[in-house]
């Protein structure tokens, strides 16, 4: 999901239940497959062992994210809040731009905000795709859940593709 939604996002792998069991994690394999893995931590949910170091790494990586510390105009926040309140799972790109226009964003600001919201995982949009350019997903988790259902479907798992 991270690779699909935020391909440049740093990844921190966290193995929990350190005090109960120690699983062998194929870290070399995972780092080769996902080069954006930045760190690996083993933590205990019971005695909080390793939690402090994990928090420190999260703060460090978050501070270096491209959008961190950038000014966020009030009208951007208002437009984003309106999108979050909507019950729809998706809207058209025209509807998205109308929301931005209602909050006094011009065309250039609207494009920047749409990109930022996509990069932050707030929405999914693919304006460069002929097939998906008019679709904006307001609830990215909804898409992920349905993709998981398809991938783990018994009928799909029992179908021989090749």
N, C-alpha and C. Protein backbone atom coordinates (compact mmCIF):
# COMPACT_ATOMS: atom_id res chain seq x y z
N UNK A 1 0.81 -1.19 0.00
CA UNK A 1 0.00 0.00 0.00
C UNK A 1 0.86 1.25 0.00
N UNK A 2 1.94 1.25 0.76
CA UNK A 2 2.81 2.42 0.80
C UNK A 2 3.41 2.65 -0.58
N UNK A 3 3.87 1.60 -1.21
CA UNK A 3 4.47 1.73 -2.54
C UNK A 3 3.46 2.31 -3.53
N UNK A 4 2.20 1.92 -3.42
CA UNK A 4 1.18 2.42 -4.33
C UNK A 4 0.77 3.85 -4.02
N UNK A 5 0.59 4.16 -2.75
CA UNK A 5 0.06 5.46 -2.37
C UNK A 5 1.11 6.52 -2.09
N UNK A 6 2.26 6.12 -1.62
CA UNK A 6 3.31 7.08 -1.28
C UNK A 6 4.67 6.46 -1.56
N UNK A 7 5.01 6.29 -2.84
CA UNK A 7 6.20 5.52 -3.20
C UNK A 7 7.52 6.09 -2.67
N UNK A 8 7.55 7.36 -2.34
CA UNK A 8 8.79 7.95 -1.83
C UNK A 8 8.81 8.10 -0.31
N UNK A 9 7.77 7.63 0.34
CA UNK A 9 7.69 7.77 1.80
C UNK A 9 8.68 6.84 2.47
N UNK A 10 9.36 7.34 3.50
CA UNK A 10 10.23 6.44 4.26
C UNK A 10 9.38 5.43 5.03
N UNK A 11 9.88 4.22 5.13
CA UNK A 11 9.17 3.15 5.84
C UNK A 11 9.97 2.75 7.07
N UNK A 12 9.26 2.60 8.17
CA UNK A 12 9.86 2.06 9.39
C UNK A 12 9.15 0.74 9.67
N UNK A 13 9.90 -0.33 9.70
CA UNK A 13 9.34 -1.63 10.07
C UNK A 13 9.40 -1.77 11.58
N UNK A 14 8.30 -2.23 12.16
CA UNK A 14 8.25 -2.38 13.61
C UNK A 14 7.76 -3.78 13.93
N UNK A 15 8.60 -4.53 14.63
CA UNK A 15 8.22 -5.85 15.13
C UNK A 15 7.79 -5.68 16.58
N UNK A 16 6.55 -6.04 16.86
CA UNK A 16 6.02 -5.89 18.21
C UNK A 16 6.17 -7.20 18.98
N UNK A 17 5.80 -7.16 20.22
CA UNK A 17 5.82 -8.33 21.09
C UNK A 17 7.24 -8.87 21.28
N UNK A 18 8.20 -7.96 21.37
CA UNK A 18 9.60 -8.33 21.56
C UNK A 18 9.78 -9.26 22.75
N UNK A 19 9.04 -9.01 23.81
CA UNK A 19 9.19 -9.78 25.04
C UNK A 19 8.50 -11.15 24.97
N UNK A 20 7.66 -11.37 23.98
CA UNK A 20 6.91 -12.62 23.91
C UNK A 20 7.50 -13.60 22.90
N UNK A 21 8.03 -13.09 21.81
CA UNK A 21 8.62 -13.97 20.81
C UNK A 21 9.55 -13.16 19.92
N UNK A 22 10.48 -13.81 19.32
CA UNK A 22 11.39 -13.15 18.39
C UNK A 22 11.29 -13.88 17.06
N UNK A 23 10.64 -13.23 16.14
CA UNK A 23 10.50 -13.79 14.80
C UNK A 23 11.71 -13.39 13.97
N UNK A 24 12.07 -14.26 13.06
CA UNK A 24 13.13 -13.92 12.13
C UNK A 24 12.52 -13.10 10.99
N UNK A 25 12.95 -11.87 10.88
CA UNK A 25 12.45 -10.97 9.85
C UNK A 25 13.47 -10.97 8.72
N UNK A 26 13.06 -11.24 7.48
CA UNK A 26 14.01 -11.25 6.35
C UNK A 26 14.33 -9.80 5.92
N UNK A 27 15.03 -9.09 6.81
CA UNK A 27 15.27 -7.66 6.61
C UNK A 27 16.04 -7.36 5.32
N UNK A 28 17.07 -8.14 5.02
CA UNK A 28 17.84 -7.91 3.79
C UNK A 28 16.95 -8.02 2.56
N UNK A 29 16.11 -9.05 2.53
CA UNK A 29 15.19 -9.23 1.41
C UNK A 29 14.22 -8.05 1.31
N UNK A 30 13.65 -7.66 2.44
CA UNK A 30 12.68 -6.56 2.44
C UNK A 30 13.32 -5.24 2.02
N UNK A 31 14.53 -4.98 2.48
CA UNK A 31 15.20 -3.74 2.10
C UNK A 31 15.57 -3.74 0.62
N UNK A 32 15.87 -4.89 0.09
CA UNK A 32 16.16 -4.98 -1.35
C UNK A 32 14.89 -4.72 -2.16
N UNK A 33 13.79 -5.30 -1.71
CA UNK A 33 12.51 -5.14 -2.42
C UNK A 33 11.92 -3.75 -2.22
N UNK A 34 12.10 -3.18 -1.03
CA UNK A 34 11.56 -1.85 -0.70
C UNK A 34 12.69 -0.96 -0.19
N UNK A 35 13.41 -0.33 -1.09
CA UNK A 35 14.58 0.47 -0.68
C UNK A 35 14.23 1.67 0.19
N UNK A 36 12.96 2.04 0.26
CA UNK A 36 12.60 3.16 1.12
C UNK A 36 12.47 2.77 2.59
N UNK A 37 12.78 1.50 2.93
CA UNK A 37 12.81 1.12 4.34
C UNK A 37 13.98 1.85 4.99
N UNK A 38 13.65 2.69 5.96
CA UNK A 38 14.65 3.55 6.60
C UNK A 38 15.15 2.99 7.92
N UNK A 39 14.33 2.18 8.56
CA UNK A 39 14.73 1.69 9.88
C UNK A 39 13.90 0.46 10.24
N UNK A 40 14.43 -0.31 11.19
CA UNK A 40 13.75 -1.48 11.72
C UNK A 40 13.86 -1.44 13.24
N UNK A 41 12.75 -1.62 13.93
CA UNK A 41 12.73 -1.59 15.38
C UNK A 41 11.98 -2.80 15.91
N UNK A 42 12.48 -3.32 17.02
CA UNK A 42 11.77 -4.34 17.78
C UNK A 42 11.33 -3.66 19.07
N UNK A 43 10.04 -3.77 19.36
CA UNK A 43 9.50 -3.09 20.55
C UNK A 43 8.65 -4.05 21.36
N UNK A 44 8.46 -3.70 22.60
CA UNK A 44 7.60 -4.46 23.50
C UNK A 44 6.35 -3.65 23.79
N UNK A 45 5.23 -4.27 23.58
CA UNK A 45 3.96 -3.61 23.90
C UNK A 45 3.70 -3.64 25.40
N UNK A 46 4.33 -4.55 26.10
CA UNK A 46 4.10 -4.67 27.54
C UNK A 46 4.95 -3.70 28.35
N UNK A 47 6.26 -3.71 28.15
CA UNK A 47 7.12 -2.86 28.98
C UNK A 47 7.67 -1.65 28.22
N UNK A 48 7.21 -1.46 26.98
CA UNK A 48 7.55 -0.30 26.16
C UNK A 48 9.03 -0.25 25.76
N UNK A 49 9.72 -1.37 25.88
CA UNK A 49 11.11 -1.44 25.45
C UNK A 49 11.19 -1.10 23.97
N UNK A 50 12.08 -0.19 23.61
CA UNK A 50 12.29 0.20 22.22
C UNK A 50 11.37 1.30 21.72
N UNK A 51 10.34 1.64 22.48
CA UNK A 51 9.36 2.64 22.04
C UNK A 51 10.00 4.03 21.92
N UNK A 52 10.84 4.40 22.87
CA UNK A 52 11.48 5.72 22.84
C UNK A 52 12.33 5.91 21.59
N UNK A 53 13.11 4.90 21.25
CA UNK A 53 13.95 4.99 20.05
C UNK A 53 13.08 5.05 18.78
N UNK A 54 11.98 4.30 18.77
CA UNK A 54 11.05 4.34 17.64
C UNK A 54 10.47 5.75 17.49
N UNK A 55 10.00 6.34 18.58
CA UNK A 55 9.45 7.71 18.53
C UNK A 55 10.49 8.69 18.01
N UNK A 56 11.72 8.55 18.46
CA UNK A 56 12.78 9.46 18.00
C UNK A 56 13.00 9.35 16.50
N UNK A 57 13.00 8.13 15.99
CA UNK A 57 13.19 7.93 14.55
C UNK A 57 12.01 8.49 13.75
N UNK A 58 10.80 8.30 14.26
CA UNK A 58 9.63 8.85 13.58
C UNK A 58 9.74 10.37 13.51
N UNK A 59 10.11 11.01 14.63
CA UNK A 59 10.26 12.47 14.64
C UNK A 59 11.34 12.92 13.65
N UNK A 60 12.45 12.20 13.63
CA UNK A 60 13.55 12.55 12.72
C UNK A 60 13.11 12.46 11.26
N UNK A 61 12.48 11.35 10.89
CA UNK A 61 12.05 11.17 9.51
C UNK A 61 10.94 12.16 9.14
N UNK A 62 10.01 12.39 10.05
CA UNK A 62 8.92 13.32 9.77
C UNK A 62 9.45 14.73 9.55
N UNK A 63 10.44 15.13 10.31
CA UNK A 63 11.00 16.48 10.18
C UNK A 63 11.63 16.70 8.82
N UNK A 64 12.05 15.64 8.16
CA UNK A 64 12.70 15.76 6.86
C UNK A 64 11.78 15.51 5.67
N UNK A 65 10.49 15.31 5.92
CA UNK A 65 9.55 15.11 4.82
C UNK A 65 9.40 16.41 4.02
N UNK A 66 9.18 16.30 2.72
CA UNK A 66 9.16 17.49 1.86
C UNK A 66 8.14 18.56 2.26
N UNK A 67 6.98 18.18 2.76
CA UNK A 67 5.96 19.18 3.08
C UNK A 67 6.06 19.70 4.51
N UNK A 68 6.94 19.12 5.31
CA UNK A 68 7.03 19.52 6.71
C UNK A 68 7.57 20.94 6.82
N UNK A 69 6.86 21.74 7.58
CA UNK A 69 7.30 23.11 7.81
C UNK A 69 6.87 24.09 6.74
N UNK A 70 6.23 23.61 5.70
CA UNK A 70 5.75 24.52 4.66
C UNK A 70 4.49 25.21 5.16
N UNK A 71 4.32 26.47 4.81
CA UNK A 71 3.10 27.16 5.24
C UNK A 71 1.86 26.53 4.60
N UNK A 72 0.80 26.45 5.37
CA UNK A 72 -0.45 25.87 4.92
C UNK A 72 -1.50 26.96 5.08
N UNK A 73 -1.84 27.62 3.97
CA UNK A 73 -2.81 28.72 4.05
C UNK A 73 -4.13 28.29 4.69
N UNK A 74 -4.76 29.21 5.39
CA UNK A 74 -6.01 28.92 6.09
C UNK A 74 -7.07 28.38 5.14
N UNK A 75 -7.17 28.97 3.95
CA UNK A 75 -8.19 28.51 3.00
C UNK A 75 -7.92 27.08 2.52
N UNK A 76 -6.66 26.66 2.52
CA UNK A 76 -6.35 25.27 2.19
C UNK A 76 -6.89 24.35 3.28
N UNK A 77 -6.69 24.76 4.53
CA UNK A 77 -7.19 23.97 5.65
C UNK A 77 -8.71 23.86 5.63
N UNK A 78 -9.37 24.96 5.29
CA UNK A 78 -10.83 24.95 5.22
C UNK A 78 -11.32 24.03 4.11
N UNK A 79 -10.68 24.11 2.94
CA UNK A 79 -11.07 23.24 1.83
C UNK A 79 -10.83 21.77 2.17
N UNK A 80 -9.70 21.50 2.82
CA UNK A 80 -9.38 20.12 3.22
C UNK A 80 -10.40 19.62 4.24
N UNK A 81 -10.78 20.46 5.20
CA UNK A 81 -11.78 20.07 6.20
C UNK A 81 -13.11 19.74 5.54
N UNK A 82 -13.49 20.53 4.55
CA UNK A 82 -14.74 20.24 3.84
C UNK A 82 -14.68 18.88 3.15
N UNK A 83 -13.55 18.57 2.53
CA UNK A 83 -13.41 17.27 1.87
C UNK A 83 -13.49 16.13 2.89
N UNK A 84 -12.90 16.31 4.05
CA UNK A 84 -12.92 15.27 5.09
C UNK A 84 -14.33 15.01 5.61
N UNK A 85 -15.18 16.03 5.61
CA UNK A 85 -16.54 15.90 6.12
C UNK A 85 -17.46 15.15 5.16
N UNK A 86 -17.10 15.09 3.92
CA UNK A 86 -17.96 14.46 2.92
C UNK A 86 -18.07 12.96 3.17
N UNK A 87 -19.28 12.46 2.96
CA UNK A 87 -19.54 11.03 3.18
C UNK A 87 -19.19 10.18 1.95
N UNK A 88 -19.13 10.84 0.77
CA UNK A 88 -18.85 10.09 -0.45
C UNK A 88 -17.45 9.48 -0.38
N UNK A 89 -17.32 8.34 -1.01
CA UNK A 89 -16.01 7.70 -1.08
C UNK A 89 -15.18 8.30 -2.22
N UNK A 90 -15.86 8.84 -3.21
CA UNK A 90 -15.15 9.44 -4.34
C UNK A 90 -16.01 10.56 -4.93
N UNK A 91 -15.34 11.46 -5.64
CA UNK A 91 -16.00 12.55 -6.35
C UNK A 91 -15.29 12.73 -7.69
N UNK A 92 -15.86 13.55 -8.53
CA UNK A 92 -15.20 13.84 -9.81
C UNK A 92 -14.12 14.91 -9.57
N UNK A 93 -13.21 14.98 -10.49
CA UNK A 93 -12.18 16.02 -10.40
C UNK A 93 -12.82 17.41 -10.49
N UNK A 94 -13.88 17.54 -11.28
CA UNK A 94 -14.59 18.81 -11.38
C UNK A 94 -15.16 19.21 -10.01
N UNK A 95 -15.74 18.24 -9.29
CA UNK A 95 -16.26 18.53 -7.95
C UNK A 95 -15.14 18.97 -7.00
N UNK A 96 -14.00 18.31 -7.10
CA UNK A 96 -12.85 18.69 -6.27
C UNK A 96 -12.46 20.14 -6.54
N UNK A 97 -12.34 20.48 -7.80
CA UNK A 97 -11.95 21.84 -8.17
C UNK A 97 -13.02 22.85 -7.75
N UNK A 98 -14.29 22.45 -7.77
CA UNK A 98 -15.36 23.33 -7.30
C UNK A 98 -15.23 23.62 -5.81
N UNK A 99 -14.89 22.60 -5.03
CA UNK A 99 -14.68 22.81 -3.59
C UNK A 99 -13.54 23.80 -3.39
N UNK A 100 -12.47 23.62 -4.12
CA UNK A 100 -11.33 24.54 -3.99
C UNK A 100 -11.73 25.96 -4.41
N UNK A 101 -12.48 26.06 -5.47
CA UNK A 101 -12.93 27.38 -5.96
C UNK A 101 -13.82 28.06 -4.91
N UNK A 102 -14.69 27.29 -4.25
CA UNK A 102 -15.57 27.83 -3.20
C UNK A 102 -14.77 28.40 -2.03
N UNK A 103 -13.54 27.95 -1.89
CA UNK A 103 -12.67 28.45 -0.81
C UNK A 103 -11.62 29.42 -1.35
N UNK A 104 -11.93 30.01 -2.50
CA UNK A 104 -11.12 31.08 -3.10
C UNK A 104 -9.74 30.66 -3.56
N UNK A 105 -9.59 29.41 -3.92
CA UNK A 105 -8.32 28.96 -4.50
C UNK A 105 -8.38 29.16 -6.01
N UNK A 106 -7.30 29.68 -6.56
CA UNK A 106 -7.25 29.80 -8.02
C UNK A 106 -6.81 28.46 -8.61
N UNK A 107 -6.72 28.40 -9.91
CA UNK A 107 -6.42 27.13 -10.59
C UNK A 107 -5.05 26.58 -10.16
N UNK A 108 -4.03 27.44 -10.11
CA UNK A 108 -2.69 26.98 -9.73
C UNK A 108 -2.66 26.47 -8.30
N UNK A 109 -3.28 27.23 -7.38
CA UNK A 109 -3.34 26.79 -5.97
C UNK A 109 -4.09 25.47 -5.85
N UNK A 110 -5.16 25.32 -6.61
CA UNK A 110 -5.96 24.10 -6.56
C UNK A 110 -5.13 22.89 -6.98
N UNK A 111 -4.34 23.06 -8.03
CA UNK A 111 -3.49 21.96 -8.49
C UNK A 111 -2.43 21.60 -7.44
N UNK A 112 -1.85 22.60 -6.83
CA UNK A 112 -0.83 22.36 -5.80
C UNK A 112 -1.46 21.65 -4.60
N UNK A 113 -2.61 22.16 -4.14
CA UNK A 113 -3.27 21.53 -2.99
C UNK A 113 -3.68 20.10 -3.31
N UNK A 114 -4.21 19.86 -4.49
CA UNK A 114 -4.61 18.50 -4.87
C UNK A 114 -3.40 17.57 -4.84
N UNK A 115 -2.27 18.03 -5.34
CA UNK A 115 -1.04 17.22 -5.32
C UNK A 115 -0.59 16.96 -3.89
N UNK A 116 -0.60 18.01 -3.06
CA UNK A 116 -0.21 17.84 -1.66
C UNK A 116 -1.12 16.85 -0.95
N UNK A 117 -2.43 16.97 -1.15
CA UNK A 117 -3.36 16.05 -0.50
C UNK A 117 -3.14 14.61 -0.96
N UNK A 118 -2.81 14.45 -2.23
CA UNK A 118 -2.48 13.11 -2.74
C UNK A 118 -1.19 12.60 -2.09
N UNK A 119 -0.16 13.45 -2.06
CA UNK A 119 1.12 13.05 -1.46
C UNK A 119 0.98 12.70 0.01
N UNK A 120 0.07 13.38 0.70
CA UNK A 120 -0.14 13.12 2.13
C UNK A 120 -1.08 11.93 2.38
N UNK A 121 -1.66 11.39 1.31
CA UNK A 121 -2.55 10.25 1.47
C UNK A 121 -3.97 10.63 1.86
N UNK A 122 -4.30 11.91 1.80
CA UNK A 122 -5.66 12.36 2.12
C UNK A 122 -6.64 11.98 1.01
N UNK A 123 -6.19 12.07 -0.23
CA UNK A 123 -7.00 11.71 -1.39
C UNK A 123 -6.13 10.88 -2.32
N UNK A 124 -6.78 10.22 -3.26
CA UNK A 124 -6.06 9.58 -4.35
C UNK A 124 -6.55 10.22 -5.63
N UNK A 125 -5.62 10.64 -6.45
CA UNK A 125 -5.97 11.22 -7.74
C UNK A 125 -4.86 10.87 -8.72
N UNK A 126 -5.24 10.68 -9.96
CA UNK A 126 -4.28 10.35 -11.00
C UNK A 126 -4.60 11.17 -12.24
N UNK A 127 -4.36 12.49 -12.19
CA UNK A 127 -4.73 13.36 -13.31
C UNK A 127 -3.98 13.06 -14.60
N UNK A 128 -2.86 12.36 -14.52
CA UNK A 128 -2.09 12.03 -15.72
C UNK A 128 -2.62 10.80 -16.44
N UNK A 129 -3.54 10.07 -15.82
CA UNK A 129 -4.09 8.85 -16.40
C UNK A 129 -5.36 9.17 -17.19
N UNK A 130 -5.38 8.75 -18.44
CA UNK A 130 -6.58 8.95 -19.25
C UNK A 130 -7.80 8.27 -18.64
N UNK A 131 -7.59 7.12 -18.04
CA UNK A 131 -8.70 6.36 -17.47
C UNK A 131 -9.18 6.92 -16.14
N UNK A 132 -8.25 7.38 -15.30
CA UNK A 132 -8.60 7.78 -13.93
C UNK A 132 -8.60 9.29 -13.69
N UNK A 133 -8.32 10.08 -14.68
CA UNK A 133 -8.12 11.52 -14.47
C UNK A 133 -9.34 12.24 -13.90
N UNK A 134 -10.54 11.73 -14.13
CA UNK A 134 -11.75 12.40 -13.64
C UNK A 134 -12.24 11.87 -12.30
N UNK A 135 -11.49 10.96 -11.68
CA UNK A 135 -11.89 10.33 -10.43
C UNK A 135 -10.98 10.78 -9.30
N UNK A 136 -11.56 11.18 -8.18
CA UNK A 136 -10.80 11.54 -6.98
C UNK A 136 -11.37 10.72 -5.83
N UNK A 137 -10.54 9.91 -5.22
CA UNK A 137 -10.94 9.08 -4.09
C UNK A 137 -10.77 9.90 -2.82
N UNK A 138 -11.86 10.10 -2.08
CA UNK A 138 -11.81 10.86 -0.83
C UNK A 138 -11.47 9.99 0.37
N UNK A 139 -11.65 8.69 0.22
CA UNK A 139 -11.36 7.76 1.32
C UNK A 139 -10.41 6.68 0.83
N UNK A 140 -9.09 6.99 0.77
CA UNK A 140 -8.13 6.02 0.23
C UNK A 140 -8.17 4.66 0.93
N UNK A 141 -8.51 4.63 2.22
CA UNK A 141 -8.56 3.36 2.93
C UNK A 141 -9.62 2.44 2.33
N UNK A 142 -10.69 3.02 1.83
CA UNK A 142 -11.77 2.26 1.19
C UNK A 142 -11.22 1.46 0.01
N UNK A 143 -10.41 2.10 -0.81
CA UNK A 143 -9.80 1.42 -1.97
C UNK A 143 -8.90 0.29 -1.49
N UNK A 144 -8.08 0.57 -0.50
CA UNK A 144 -7.16 -0.45 0.02
C UNK A 144 -7.91 -1.67 0.54
N UNK A 145 -9.00 -1.44 1.24
CA UNK A 145 -9.79 -2.56 1.77
C UNK A 145 -10.36 -3.41 0.65
N UNK A 146 -10.85 -2.77 -0.41
CA UNK A 146 -11.42 -3.54 -1.51
C UNK A 146 -10.36 -4.26 -2.32
N UNK A 147 -9.21 -3.66 -2.48
CA UNK A 147 -8.12 -4.35 -3.17
C UNK A 147 -7.72 -5.59 -2.36
N UNK A 148 -7.66 -5.44 -1.04
CA UNK A 148 -7.34 -6.59 -0.18
C UNK A 148 -8.37 -7.69 -0.32
N UNK A 149 -9.65 -7.31 -0.40
CA UNK A 149 -10.71 -8.32 -0.56
C UNK A 149 -10.55 -9.07 -1.87
N UNK A 150 -10.21 -8.36 -2.92
CA UNK A 150 -10.02 -9.01 -4.22
C UNK A 150 -8.82 -9.95 -4.16
N UNK A 151 -7.72 -9.45 -3.62
CA UNK A 151 -6.49 -10.25 -3.58
C UNK A 151 -6.65 -11.50 -2.73
N UNK A 152 -7.41 -11.41 -1.65
CA UNK A 152 -7.57 -12.55 -0.75
C UNK A 152 -8.84 -13.35 -1.01
N UNK A 153 -9.53 -13.05 -2.09
CA UNK A 153 -10.76 -13.75 -2.43
C UNK A 153 -10.47 -15.23 -2.71
N UNK A 154 -11.28 -16.09 -2.09
CA UNK A 154 -11.10 -17.53 -2.31
C UNK A 154 -11.24 -17.90 -3.78
N UNK A 155 -12.22 -17.29 -4.46
CA UNK A 155 -12.40 -17.64 -5.87
C UNK A 155 -11.19 -17.21 -6.70
N UNK A 156 -10.59 -16.09 -6.36
CA UNK A 156 -9.41 -15.64 -7.10
C UNK A 156 -8.21 -16.52 -6.74
N UNK A 157 -8.07 -16.84 -5.48
CA UNK A 157 -6.94 -17.67 -5.06
C UNK A 157 -7.00 -19.07 -5.68
N UNK A 158 -8.20 -19.54 -5.94
CA UNK A 158 -8.35 -20.89 -6.51
C UNK A 158 -8.36 -20.90 -8.03
N UNK A 159 -8.22 -19.74 -8.64
CA UNK A 159 -8.22 -19.65 -10.09
C UNK A 159 -6.78 -19.73 -10.61
N UNK A 160 -6.56 -20.57 -11.57
CA UNK A 160 -5.24 -20.69 -12.16
C UNK A 160 -5.14 -19.65 -13.28
N UNK A 161 -4.25 -18.71 -13.10
CA UNK A 161 -4.09 -17.64 -14.08
C UNK A 161 -3.16 -18.08 -15.20
N UNK A 162 -2.13 -18.83 -14.88
CA UNK A 162 -1.14 -19.25 -15.89
C UNK A 162 -1.18 -20.75 -16.06
